[in-house]
Amino acid sequence: SGDRAISIIAFIGSVFSPWYRWSGRRD
């Protein structure tokens, strides 16, 4: 119908997470 949508992304290493960035992206 064009009025709804869904997005699902499974991250190992959550590239848009500030916590991952602040951790140095080592793990």
mmCIF file of all heavy atoms, coordinates in Angstrom:
data_MODEL
# 
_entry.id   MODEL 
# 
loop_
_atom_site.group_PDB 
_atom_site.id 
_atom_site.type_symbol 
_atom_site.label_atom_id 
_atom_site.label_alt_id 
_atom_site.label_comp_id 
_atom_site.label_asym_id 
_atom_site.label_entity_id 
_atom_site.label_seq_id 
_atom_site.pdbx_PDB_ins_code 
_atom_site.Cartn_x 
_atom_site.Cartn_y 
_atom_site.Cartn_z 
_atom_site.occupancy 
_atom_site.B_iso_or_equiv 
_atom_site.pdbx_formal_charge 
_atom_site.auth_seq_id 
_atom_site.auth_comp_id 
_atom_site.auth_asym_id 
_atom_site.auth_atom_id 
_atom_site.pdbx_PDB_model_num 
ATOM 1   N N   . SER A 1 1  ? 0.817  -1.219  0.000  1.00 0.00 ? 1  SER A N   1 
ATOM 2   C CA  . SER A 1 1  ? 0.000  0.000   0.000  1.00 0.00 ? 1  SER A CA  1 
ATOM 3   C C   . SER A 1 1  ? 0.850  1.268   0.000  1.00 0.00 ? 1  SER A C   1 
ATOM 4   O O   . SER A 1 1  ? 0.330  2.361   -0.241 1.00 0.00 ? 1  SER A O   1 
ATOM 5   C CB  . SER A 1 1  ? -0.918 0.003   1.222  1.00 0.00 ? 1  SER A CB  1 
ATOM 6   O OG  . SER A 1 1  ? -0.146 -0.052  2.422  1.00 0.00 ? 1  SER A OG  1 
ATOM 7   N N   . GLY A 1 2  ? 2.149  1.139   0.313  1.00 0.00 ? 2  GLY A N   1 
ATOM 8   C CA  . GLY A 1 2  ? 3.048  2.287   0.262  1.00 0.00 ? 2  GLY A CA  1 
ATOM 9   C C   . GLY A 1 2  ? 3.021  3.194   1.465  1.00 0.00 ? 2  GLY A C   1 
ATOM 10  O O   . GLY A 1 2  ? 3.683  4.240   1.467  1.00 0.00 ? 2  GLY A O   1 
ATOM 11  N N   . ASP A 1 3  ? 2.296  2.809   2.540  1.00 0.00 ? 3  ASP A N   1 
ATOM 12  C CA  . ASP A 1 3  ? 2.195  3.703   3.691  1.00 0.00 ? 3  ASP A CA  1 
ATOM 13  C C   . ASP A 1 3  ? 2.945  3.187   4.921  1.00 0.00 ? 3  ASP A C   1 
ATOM 14  O O   . ASP A 1 3  ? 2.924  3.824   5.970  1.00 0.00 ? 3  ASP A O   1 
ATOM 15  C CB  . ASP A 1 3  ? 0.730  3.959   4.050  1.00 0.00 ? 3  ASP A CB  1 
ATOM 16  C CG  . ASP A 1 3  ? -0.019 2.677   4.426  1.00 0.00 ? 3  ASP A CG  1 
ATOM 17  O OD1 . ASP A 1 3  ? 0.525  1.570   4.188  1.00 0.00 ? 3  ASP A OD1 1 
ATOM 18  O OD2 . ASP A 1 3  ? -1.157 2.778   4.922  1.00 0.00 ? 3  ASP A OD2 1 
ATOM 19  N N   . ARG A 1 4  ? 3.619  2.035   4.795  1.00 0.00 ? 4  ARG A N   1 
ATOM 20  C CA  . ARG A 1 4  ? 4.382  1.496   5.919  1.00 0.00 ? 4  ARG A CA  1 
ATOM 21  C C   . ARG A 1 4  ? 5.662  0.851   5.394  1.00 0.00 ? 4  ARG A C   1 
ATOM 22  O O   . ARG A 1 4  ? 5.742  0.420   4.247  1.00 0.00 ? 4  ARG A O   1 
ATOM 23  C CB  . ARG A 1 4  ? 3.571  0.469   6.714  1.00 0.00 ? 4  ARG A CB  1 
ATOM 24  C CG  . ARG A 1 4  ? 2.319  1.050   7.368  1.00 0.00 ? 4  ARG A CG  1 
ATOM 25  C CD  . ARG A 1 4  ? 1.629  0.029   8.250  1.00 0.00 ? 4  ARG A CD  1 
ATOM 26  N NE  . ARG A 1 4  ? 0.334  0.498   8.703  1.00 0.00 ? 4  ARG A NE  1 
ATOM 27  C CZ  . ARG A 1 4  ? 0.125  1.272   9.758  1.00 0.00 ? 4  ARG A CZ  1 
ATOM 28  N NH1 . ARG A 1 4  ? 1.159  1.690   10.475 1.00 0.00 ? 4  ARG A NH1 1 
ATOM 29  N NH2 . ARG A 1 4  ? -1.085 1.637   10.110 1.00 0.00 ? 4  ARG A NH2 1 
ATOM 30  N N   . ALA A 1 5  ? 6.639  0.783   6.278  1.00 0.00 ? 5  ALA A N   1 
ATOM 31  C CA  . ALA A 1 5  ? 7.914  0.137   5.920  1.00 0.00 ? 5  ALA A CA  1 
ATOM 32  C C   . ALA A 1 5  ? 8.590  -0.312  7.204  1.00 0.00 ? 5  ALA A C   1 
ATOM 33  O O   . ALA A 1 5  ? 8.240  0.138   8.307  1.00 0.00 ? 5  ALA A O   1 
ATOM 34  C CB  . ALA A 1 5  ? 8.818  1.101   5.144  1.00 0.00 ? 5  ALA A CB  1 
ATOM 35  N N   . ILE A 1 6  ? 9.557  -1.211  7.044  1.00 0.00 ? 6  ILE A N   1 
ATOM 36  C CA  . ILE A 1 6  ? 10.312 -1.694  8.191  1.00 0.00 ? 6  ILE A CA  1 
ATOM 37  C C   . ILE A 1 6  ? 11.745 -1.937  7.767  1.00 0.00 ? 6  ILE A C   1 
ATOM 38  O O   . ILE A 1 6  ? 12.018 -2.302  6.618  1.00 0.00 ? 6  ILE A O   1 
ATOM 39  C CB  . ILE A 1 6  ? 9.681  -2.990  8.760  1.00 0.00 ? 6  ILE A CB  1 
ATOM 40  C CG1 . ILE A 1 6  ? 10.341 -3.381  10.087 1.00 0.00 ? 6  ILE A CG1 1 
ATOM 41  C CG2 . ILE A 1 6  ? 9.748  -4.137  7.748  1.00 0.00 ? 6  ILE A CG2 1 
ATOM 42  C CD1 . ILE A 1 6  ? 9.573  -4.461  10.848 1.00 0.00 ? 6  ILE A CD1 1 
ATOM 43  N N   . SER A 1 7  ? 12.674 -1.690  8.680  1.00 0.00 ? 7  SER A N   1 
ATOM 44  C CA  . SER A 1 7  ? 14.087 -1.949  8.447  1.00 0.00 ? 7  SER A CA  1 
ATOM 45  C C   . SER A 1 7  ? 14.637 -2.705  9.641  1.00 0.00 ? 7  SER A C   1 
ATOM 46  O O   . SER A 1 7  ? 14.382 -2.339  10.787 1.00 0.00 ? 7  SER A O   1 
ATOM 47  C CB  . SER A 1 7  ? 14.851 -0.625  8.269  1.00 0.00 ? 7  SER A CB  1 
ATOM 48  O OG  . SER A 1 7  ? 16.245 -0.847  8.265  1.00 0.00 ? 7  SER A OG  1 
ATOM 49  N N   . ILE A 1 8  ? 15.391 -3.772  9.360  1.00 0.00 ? 8  ILE A N   1 
ATOM 50  C CA  . ILE A 1 8  ? 16.023 -4.572  10.410 1.00 0.00 ? 8  ILE A CA  1 
ATOM 51  C C   . ILE A 1 8  ? 17.487 -4.750  10.037 1.00 0.00 ? 8  ILE A C   1 
ATOM 52  O O   . ILE A 1 8  ? 17.790 -5.214  8.939  1.00 0.00 ? 8  ILE A O   1 
ATOM 53  C CB  . ILE A 1 8  ? 15.354 -5.955  10.556 1.00 0.00 ? 8  ILE A CB  1 
ATOM 54  C CG1 . ILE A 1 8  ? 13.857 -5.796  10.853 1.00 0.00 ? 8  ILE A CG1 1 
ATOM 55  C CG2 . ILE A 1 8  ? 16.032 -6.766  11.648 1.00 0.00 ? 8  ILE A CG2 1 
ATOM 56  C CD1 . ILE A 1 8  ? 13.090 -7.106  10.755 1.00 0.00 ? 8  ILE A CD1 1 
ATOM 57  N N   . ILE A 1 9  ? 18.387 -4.384  10.933 1.00 0.00 ? 9  ILE A N   1 
ATOM 58  C CA  . ILE A 1 9  ? 19.820 -4.540  10.687 1.00 0.00 ? 9  ILE A CA  1 
ATOM 59  C C   . ILE A 1 9  ? 20.446 -5.219  11.896 1.00 0.00 ? 9  ILE A C   1 
ATOM 60  O O   . ILE A 1 9  ? 20.342 -4.722  13.018 1.00 0.00 ? 9  ILE A O   1 
ATOM 61  C CB  . ILE A 1 9  ? 20.525 -3.194  10.447 1.00 0.00 ? 9  ILE A CB  1 
ATOM 62  C CG1 . ILE A 1 9  ? 19.805 -2.385  9.362  1.00 0.00 ? 9  ILE A CG1 1 
ATOM 63  C CG2 . ILE A 1 9  ? 21.987 -3.431  10.048 1.00 0.00 ? 9  ILE A CG2 1 
ATOM 64  C CD1 . ILE A 1 9  ? 20.385 -0.986  9.156  1.00 0.00 ? 9  ILE A CD1 1 
ATOM 65  N N   . ALA A 1 10 ? 21.089 -6.362  11.656 1.00 0.00 ? 10 ALA A N   1 
ATOM 66  C CA  . ALA A 1 10 ? 21.835 -7.045  12.709 1.00 0.00 ? 10 ALA A CA  1 
ATOM 67  C C   . ALA A 1 10 ? 23.294 -6.626  12.614 1.00 0.00 ? 10 ALA A C   1 
ATOM 68  O O   . ALA A 1 10 ? 23.937 -6.822  11.580 1.00 0.00 ? 10 ALA A O   1 
ATOM 69  C CB  . ALA A 1 10 ? 21.703 -8.557  12.556 1.00 0.00 ? 10 ALA A CB  1 
ATOM 70  N N   . PHE A 1 11 ? 23.807 -6.018  13.676 1.00 0.00 ? 11 PHE A N   1 
ATOM 71  C CA  . PHE A 1 11 ? 25.180 -5.517  13.701 1.00 0.00 ? 11 PHE A CA  1 
ATOM 72  C C   . PHE A 1 11 ? 26.061 -6.386  14.598 1.00 0.00 ? 11 PHE A C   1 
ATOM 73  O O   . PHE A 1 11 ? 25.697 -6.678  15.740 1.00 0.00 ? 11 PHE A O   1 
ATOM 74  C CB  . PHE A 1 11 ? 25.243 -4.099  14.284 1.00 0.00 ? 11 PHE A CB  1 
ATOM 75  C CG  . PHE A 1 11 ? 24.699 -3.018  13.393 1.00 0.00 ? 11 PHE A CG  1 
ATOM 76  C CD1 . PHE A 1 11 ? 23.446 -2.478  13.627 1.00 0.00 ? 11 PHE A CD1 1 
ATOM 77  C CD2 . PHE A 1 11 ? 25.449 -2.505  12.354 1.00 0.00 ? 11 PHE A CD2 1 
ATOM 78  C CE1 . PHE A 1 11 ? 22.942 -1.452  12.840 1.00 0.00 ? 11 PHE A CE1 1 
ATOM 79  C CE2 . PHE A 1 11 ? 24.971 -1.480  11.562 1.00 0.00 ? 11 PHE A CE2 1 
ATOM 80  C CZ  . PHE A 1 11 ? 23.705 -0.959  11.798 1.00 0.00 ? 11 PHE A CZ  1 
ATOM 81  N N   . ILE A 1 12 ? 27.206 -6.795  14.103 1.00 0.00 ? 12 ILE A N   1 
ATOM 82  C CA  . ILE A 1 12 ? 28.316 -7.236  14.947 1.00 0.00 ? 12 ILE A CA  1 
ATOM 83  C C   . ILE A 1 12 ? 29.408 -6.201  14.747 1.00 0.00 ? 12 ILE A C   1 
ATOM 84  O O   . ILE A 1 12 ? 30.056 -6.156  13.705 1.00 0.00 ? 12 ILE A O   1 
ATOM 85  C CB  . ILE A 1 12 ? 28.812 -8.646  14.559 1.00 0.00 ? 12 ILE A CB  1 
ATOM 86  C CG1 . ILE A 1 12 ? 27.690 -9.670  14.727 1.00 0.00 ? 12 ILE A CG1 1 
ATOM 87  C CG2 . ILE A 1 12 ? 30.015 -9.035  15.421 1.00 0.00 ? 12 ILE A CG2 1 
ATOM 88  C CD1 . ILE A 1 12 ? 28.078 -11.075 14.328 1.00 0.00 ? 12 ILE A CD1 1 
ATOM 89  N N   . GLY A 1 13 ? 29.579 -5.359  15.738 1.00 0.00 ? 13 GLY A N   1 
ATOM 90  C CA  . GLY A 1 13 ? 30.342 -4.132  15.555 1.00 0.00 ? 13 GLY A CA  1 
ATOM 91  C C   . GLY A 1 13 ? 29.363 -3.092  15.053 1.00 0.00 ? 13 GLY A C   1 
ATOM 92  O O   . GLY A 1 13 ? 29.186 -2.909  13.842 1.00 0.00 ? 13 GLY A O   1 
ATOM 93  N N   . SER A 1 14 ? 28.664 -2.438  15.948 1.00 0.00 ? 14 SER A N   1 
ATOM 94  C CA  . SER A 1 14 ? 27.572 -1.524  15.591 1.00 0.00 ? 14 SER A CA  1 
ATOM 95  C C   . SER A 1 14 ? 28.157 -0.214  15.066 1.00 0.00 ? 14 SER A C   1 
ATOM 96  O O   . SER A 1 14 ? 28.492 0.687   15.830 1.00 0.00 ? 14 SER A O   1 
ATOM 97  C CB  . SER A 1 14 ? 26.683 -1.288  16.820 1.00 0.00 ? 14 SER A CB  1 
ATOM 98  O OG  . SER A 1 14 ? 25.530 -0.577  16.478 1.00 0.00 ? 14 SER A OG  1 
ATOM 99  N N   . VAL A 1 15 ? 28.286 -0.129  13.742 1.00 0.00 ? 15 VAL A N   1 
ATOM 100 C CA  . VAL A 1 15 ? 29.096 0.935   13.135 1.00 0.00 ? 15 VAL A CA  1 
ATOM 101 C C   . VAL A 1 15 ? 28.599 2.344   13.453 1.00 0.00 ? 15 VAL A C   1 
ATOM 102 O O   . VAL A 1 15 ? 29.388 3.288   13.454 1.00 0.00 ? 15 VAL A O   1 
ATOM 103 C CB  . VAL A 1 15 ? 29.192 0.751   11.603 1.00 0.00 ? 15 VAL A CB  1 
ATOM 104 C CG1 . VAL A 1 15 ? 29.951 -0.508  11.278 1.00 0.00 ? 15 VAL A CG1 1 
ATOM 105 C CG2 . VAL A 1 15 ? 27.812 0.724   10.956 1.00 0.00 ? 15 VAL A CG2 1 
ATOM 106 N N   . PHE A 1 16 ? 27.301 2.497   13.721 1.00 0.00 ? 16 PHE A N   1 
ATOM 107 C CA  . PHE A 1 16 ? 26.769 3.824   14.020 1.00 0.00 ? 16 PHE A CA  1 
ATOM 108 C C   . PHE A 1 16 ? 26.616 4.068   15.522 1.00 0.00 ? 16 PHE A C   1 
ATOM 109 O O   . PHE A 1 16 ? 26.039 5.068   15.932 1.00 0.00 ? 16 PHE A O   1 
ATOM 110 C CB  . PHE A 1 16 ? 25.429 4.034   13.317 1.00 0.00 ? 16 PHE A CB  1 
ATOM 111 C CG  . PHE A 1 16 ? 25.528 3.942   11.825 1.00 0.00 ? 16 PHE A CG  1 
ATOM 112 C CD1 . PHE A 1 16 ? 24.759 3.047   11.115 1.00 0.00 ? 16 PHE A CD1 1 
ATOM 113 C CD2 . PHE A 1 16 ? 26.416 4.751   11.120 1.00 0.00 ? 16 PHE A CD2 1 
ATOM 114 C CE1 . PHE A 1 16 ? 24.857 2.953   9.734  1.00 0.00 ? 16 PHE A CE1 1 
ATOM 115 C CE2 . PHE A 1 16 ? 26.533 4.669   9.750  1.00 0.00 ? 16 PHE A CE2 1 
ATOM 116 C CZ  . PHE A 1 16 ? 25.746 3.759   9.044  1.00 0.00 ? 16 PHE A CZ  1 
ATOM 117 N N   . SER A 1 17 ? 27.130 3.172   16.335 1.00 0.00 ? 17 SER A N   1 
ATOM 118 C CA  . SER A 1 17 ? 27.028 3.328   17.781 1.00 0.00 ? 17 SER A CA  1 
ATOM 119 C C   . SER A 1 17 ? 28.168 4.185   18.316 1.00 0.00 ? 17 SER A C   1 
ATOM 120 O O   . SER A 1 17 ? 29.342 3.874   18.087 1.00 0.00 ? 17 SER A O   1 
ATOM 121 C CB  . SER A 1 17 ? 27.065 1.961   18.463 1.00 0.00 ? 17 SER A CB  1 
ATOM 122 O OG  . SER A 1 17 ? 27.289 2.099   19.847 1.00 0.00 ? 17 SER A OG  1 
ATOM 123 N N   . PRO A 1 18 ? 27.863 5.250   19.062 1.00 0.00 ? 18 PRO A N   1 
ATOM 124 C CA  . PRO A 1 18 ? 28.948 6.024   19.679 1.00 0.00 ? 18 PRO A CA  1 
ATOM 125 C C   . PRO A 1 18 ? 29.727 5.206   20.699 1.00 0.00 ? 18 PRO A C   1 
ATOM 126 O O   . PRO A 1 18 ? 30.925 5.427   20.905 1.00 0.00 ? 18 PRO A O   1 
ATOM 127 C CB  . PRO A 1 18 ? 28.212 7.195   20.335 1.00 0.00 ? 18 PRO A CB  1 
ATOM 128 C CG  . PRO A 1 18 ? 26.820 6.704   20.554 1.00 0.00 ? 18 PRO A CG  1 
ATOM 129 C CD  . PRO A 1 18 ? 26.530 5.788   19.406 1.00 0.00 ? 18 PRO A CD  1 
ATOM 130 N N   . TRP A 1 19 ? 29.053 4.231   21.344 1.00 0.00 ? 19 TRP A N   1 
ATOM 131 C CA  . TRP A 1 19 ? 29.738 3.391   22.329 1.00 0.00 ? 19 TRP A CA  1 
ATOM 132 C C   . TRP A 1 19 ? 30.823 2.555   21.664 1.00 0.00 ? 19 TRP A C   1 
ATOM 133 O O   . TRP A 1 19 ? 31.903 2.367   22.236 1.00 0.00 ? 19 TRP A O   1 
ATOM 134 C CB  . TRP A 1 19 ? 28.723 2.488   23.035 1.00 0.00 ? 19 TRP A CB  1 
ATOM 135 C CG  . TRP A 1 19 ? 27.540 3.241   23.555 1.00 0.00 ? 19 TRP A CG  1 
ATOM 136 C CD1 . TRP A 1 19 ? 26.296 3.314   22.991 1.00 0.00 ? 19 TRP A CD1 1 
ATOM 137 C CD2 . TRP A 1 19 ? 27.485 4.066   24.730 1.00 0.00 ? 19 TRP A CD2 1 
ATOM 138 N NE1 . TRP A 1 19 ? 25.472 4.121   23.733 1.00 0.00 ? 19 TRP A NE1 1 
ATOM 139 C CE2 . TRP A 1 19 ? 26.180 4.596   24.817 1.00 0.00 ? 19 TRP A CE2 1 
ATOM 140 C CE3 . TRP A 1 19 ? 28.406 4.392   25.731 1.00 0.00 ? 19 TRP A CE3 1 
ATOM 141 C CZ2 . TRP A 1 19 ? 25.776 5.426   25.849 1.00 0.00 ? 19 TRP A CZ2 1 
ATOM 142 C CZ3 . TRP A 1 19 ? 27.997 5.225   26.763 1.00 0.00 ? 19 TRP A CZ3 1 
ATOM 143 C CH2 . TRP A 1 19 ? 26.703 5.727   26.816 1.00 0.00 ? 19 TRP A CH2 1 
ATOM 144 N N   . TYR A 1 20 ? 30.549 2.073   20.485 1.00 0.00 ? 20 TYR A N   1 
ATOM 145 C CA  . TYR A 1 20 ? 31.550 1.305   19.734 1.00 0.00 ? 20 TYR A CA  1 
ATOM 146 C C   . TYR A 1 20 ? 32.718 2.202   19.334 1.00 0.00 ? 20 TYR A C   1 
ATOM 147 O O   . TYR A 1 20 ? 33.885 1.816   19.445 1.00 0.00 ? 20 TYR A O   1 
ATOM 148 C CB  . TYR A 1 20 ? 30.882 0.690   18.500 1.00 0.00 ? 20 TYR A CB  1 
ATOM 149 C CG  . TYR A 1 20 ? 31.750 -0.273  17.716 1.00 0.00 ? 20 TYR A CG  1 
ATOM 150 C CD1 . TYR A 1 20 ? 32.630 -1.141  18.342 1.00 0.00 ? 20 TYR A CD1 1 
ATOM 151 C CD2 . TYR A 1 20 ? 31.652 -0.334  16.326 1.00 0.00 ? 20 TYR A CD2 1 
ATOM 152 C CE1 . TYR A 1 20 ? 33.401 -2.039  17.612 1.00 0.00 ? 20 TYR A CE1 1 
ATOM 153 C CE2 . TYR A 1 20 ? 32.411 -1.227  15.588 1.00 0.00 ? 20 TYR A CE2 1 
ATOM 154 C CZ  . TYR A 1 20 ? 33.292 -2.074  16.232 1.00 0.00 ? 20 TYR A CZ  1 
ATOM 155 O OH  . TYR A 1 20 ? 34.059 -2.948  15.501 1.00 0.00 ? 20 TYR A OH  1 
ATOM 156 N N   . ARG A 1 21 ? 32.399 3.413   18.920 1.00 0.00 ? 21 ARG A N   1 
ATOM 157 C CA  . ARG A 1 21 ? 33.438 4.373   18.562 1.00 0.00 ? 21 ARG A CA  1 
ATOM 158 C C   . ARG A 1 21 ? 34.293 4.724   19.771 1.00 0.00 ? 21 ARG A C   1 
ATOM 159 O O   . ARG A 1 21 ? 35.536 4.720   19.705 1.00 0.00 ? 21 ARG A O   1 
ATOM 160 C CB  . ARG A 1 21 ? 32.802 5.635   17.977 1.00 0.00 ? 21 ARG A CB  1 
ATOM 161 C CG  . ARG A 1 21 ? 33.757 6.795   17.746 1.00 0.00 ? 21 ARG A CG  1 
ATOM 162 C CD  . ARG A 1 21 ? 34.844 6.453   16.753 1.00 0.00 ? 21 ARG A CD  1 
ATOM 163 N NE  . ARG A 1 21 ? 35.700 7.599   16.502 1.00 0.00 ? 21 ARG A NE  1 
ATOM 164 C CZ  . ARG A 1 21 ? 36.846 7.529   15.837 1.00 0.00 ? 21 ARG A CZ  1 
ATOM 165 N NH1 . ARG A 1 21 ? 37.270 6.369   15.356 1.00 0.00 ? 21 ARG A NH1 1 
ATOM 166 N NH2 . ARG A 1 21 ? 37.566 8.606   15.647 1.00 0.00 ? 21 ARG A NH2 1 
ATOM 167 N N   . TRP A 1 22 ? 33.641 5.019   20.899 1.00 0.00 ? 22 TRP A N   1 
ATOM 168 C CA  . TRP A 1 22 ? 34.381 5.400   22.108 1.00 0.00 ? 22 TRP A CA  1 
ATOM 169 C C   . TRP A 1 22 ? 35.232 4.243   22.636 1.00 0.00 ? 22 TRP A C   1 
ATOM 170 O O   . TRP A 1 22 ? 36.227 4.467   23.323 1.00 0.00 ? 22 TRP A O   1 
ATOM 171 C CB  . TRP A 1 22 ? 33.400 5.874   23.179 1.00 0.00 ? 22 TRP A CB  1 
ATOM 172 C CG  . TRP A 1 22 ? 32.751 7.194   22.847 1.00 0.00 ? 22 TRP A CG  1 
ATOM 173 C CD1 . TRP A 1 22 ? 33.271 8.197   22.084 1.00 0.00 ? 22 TRP A CD1 1 
ATOM 174 C CD2 . TRP A 1 22 ? 31.457 7.641   23.262 1.00 0.00 ? 22 TRP A CD2 1 
ATOM 175 N NE1 . TRP A 1 22 ? 32.384 9.246   21.985 1.00 0.00 ? 22 TRP A NE1 1 
ATOM 176 C CE2 . TRP A 1 22 ? 31.261 8.938   22.706 1.00 0.00 ? 22 TRP A CE2 1 
ATOM 177 C CE3 . TRP A 1 22 ? 30.446 7.086   24.048 1.00 0.00 ? 22 TRP A CE3 1 
ATOM 178 C CZ2 . TRP A 1 22 ? 30.097 9.677   22.915 1.00 0.00 ? 22 TRP A CZ2 1 
ATOM 179 C CZ3 . TRP A 1 22 ? 29.284 7.817   24.254 1.00 0.00 ? 22 TRP A CZ3 1 
ATOM 180 C CH2 . TRP A 1 22 ? 29.120 9.099   23.698 1.00 0.00 ? 22 TRP A CH2 1 
ATOM 181 N N   . SER A 1 23 ? 34.863 3.012   22.311 1.00 0.00 ? 23 SER A N   1 
ATOM 182 C CA  . SER A 1 23 ? 35.633 1.853   22.772 1.00 0.00 ? 23 SER A CA  1 
ATOM 183 C C   . SER A 1 23 ? 36.895 1.636   21.932 1.00 0.00 ? 23 SER A C   1 
ATOM 184 O O   . SER A 1 23 ? 37.718 0.782   22.266 1.00 0.00 ? 23 SER A O   1 
ATOM 185 C CB  . SER A 1 23 ? 34.768 0.591   22.700 1.00 0.00 ? 23 SER A CB  1 
ATOM 186 O OG  . SER A 1 23 ? 34.613 0.149   21.361 1.00 0.00 ? 23 SER A OG  1 
ATOM 187 N N   . GLY A 1 24 ? 37.015 2.380   20.835 1.00 0.00 ? 24 GLY A N   1 
ATOM 188 C CA  . GLY A 1 24 ? 38.154 2.197   19.942 1.00 0.00 ? 24 GLY A CA  1 
ATOM 189 C C   . GLY A 1 24 ? 37.916 1.168   18.854 1.00 0.00 ? 24 GLY A C   1 
ATOM 190 O O   . GLY A 1 24 ? 38.825 0.853   18.084 1.00 0.00 ? 24 GLY A O   1 
ATOM 191 N N   . ARG A 1 25 ? 36.694 0.637   18.789 1.00 0.00 ? 25 ARG A N   1 
ATOM 192 C CA  . ARG A 1 25 ? 36.318 -0.353  17.762 1.00 0.00 ? 25 ARG A CA  1 
ATOM 193 C C   . ARG A 1 25 ? 37.253 -1.557  17.735 1.00 0.00 ? 25 ARG A C   1 
ATOM 194 O O   . ARG A 1 25 ? 37.517 -2.128  16.685 1.00 0.00 ? 25 ARG A O   1 
ATOM 195 C CB  . ARG A 1 25 ? 36.263 0.305   16.375 1.00 0.00 ? 25 ARG A CB  1 
ATOM 196 C CG  . ARG A 1 25 ? 35.123 1.291   16.175 1.00 0.00 ? 25 ARG A CG  1 
ATOM 197 C CD  . ARG A 1 25 ? 34.921 1.558   14.686 1.00 0.00 ? 25 ARG A CD  1 
ATOM 198 N NE  . ARG A 1 25 ? 33.734 2.362   14.437 1.00 0.00 ? 25 ARG A NE  1 
ATOM 199 C CZ  . ARG A 1 25 ? 33.759 3.649   14.107 1.00 0.00 ? 25 ARG A CZ  1 
ATOM 200 N NH1 . ARG A 1 25 ? 34.919 4.267   13.997 1.00 0.00 ? 25 ARG A NH1 1 
ATOM 201 N NH2 . ARG A 1 25 ? 32.655 4.310   13.863 1.00 0.00 ? 25 ARG A NH2 1 
ATOM 202 N N   . ARG A 1 26 ? 37.751 -1.954  18.871 1.00 0.00 ? 26 ARG A N   1 
ATOM 203 C CA  . ARG A 1 26 ? 38.681 -3.084  18.923 1.00 0.00 ? 26 ARG A CA  1 
ATOM 204 C C   . ARG A 1 26 ? 37.989 -4.423  19.136 1.00 0.00 ? 26 ARG A C   1 
ATOM 205 O O   . ARG A 1 26 ? 38.590 -5.468  18.910 1.00 0.00 ? 26 ARG A O   1 
ATOM 206 C CB  . ARG A 1 26 ? 39.714 -2.855  20.034 1.00 0.00 ? 26 ARG A CB  1 
ATOM 207 C CG  . ARG A 1 26 ? 40.697 -1.725  19.770 1.00 0.00 ? 26 ARG A CG  1 
ATOM 208 C CD  . ARG A 1 26 ? 41.698 -1.602  20.903 1.00 0.00 ? 26 ARG A CD  1 
ATOM 209 N NE  . ARG A 1 26 ? 41.056 -1.220  22.155 1.00 0.00 ? 26 ARG A NE  1 
ATOM 210 C CZ  . ARG A 1 26 ? 40.863 0.043   22.534 1.00 0.00 ? 26 ARG A CZ  1 
ATOM 211 N NH1 . ARG A 1 26 ? 41.276 1.036   21.768 1.00 0.00 ? 26 ARG A NH1 1 
ATOM 212 N NH2 . ARG A 1 26 ? 40.265 0.311   23.686 1.00 0.00 ? 26 ARG A NH2 1 
ATOM 213 N N   . ASP A 1 27 ? 36.731 -4.401  19.585 1.00 0.00 ? 27 ASP A N   1 
ATOM 214 C CA  . ASP A 1 27 ? 36.065 -5.640  19.972 1.00 0.00 ? 27 ASP A CA  1 
ATOM 215 C C   . ASP A 1 27 ? 34.625 -5.621  19.440 1.00 0.00 ? 27 ASP A C   1 
ATOM 216 O O   . ASP A 1 27 ? 33.682 -5.333  20.177 1.00 0.00 ? 27 ASP A O   1 
ATOM 217 C CB  . ASP A 1 27 ? 36.080 -5.759  21.494 1.00 0.00 ? 27 ASP A CB  1 
ATOM 218 C CG  . ASP A 1 27 ? 35.611 -7.121  21.982 1.00 0.00 ? 27 ASP A CG  1 
ATOM 219 O OD1 . ASP A 1 27 ? 35.221 -7.952  21.137 1.00 0.00 ? 27 ASP A OD1 1 
ATOM 220 O OD2 . ASP A 1 27 ? 35.622 -7.345  23.209 1.00 0.00 ? 27 ASP A OD2 1 
# 
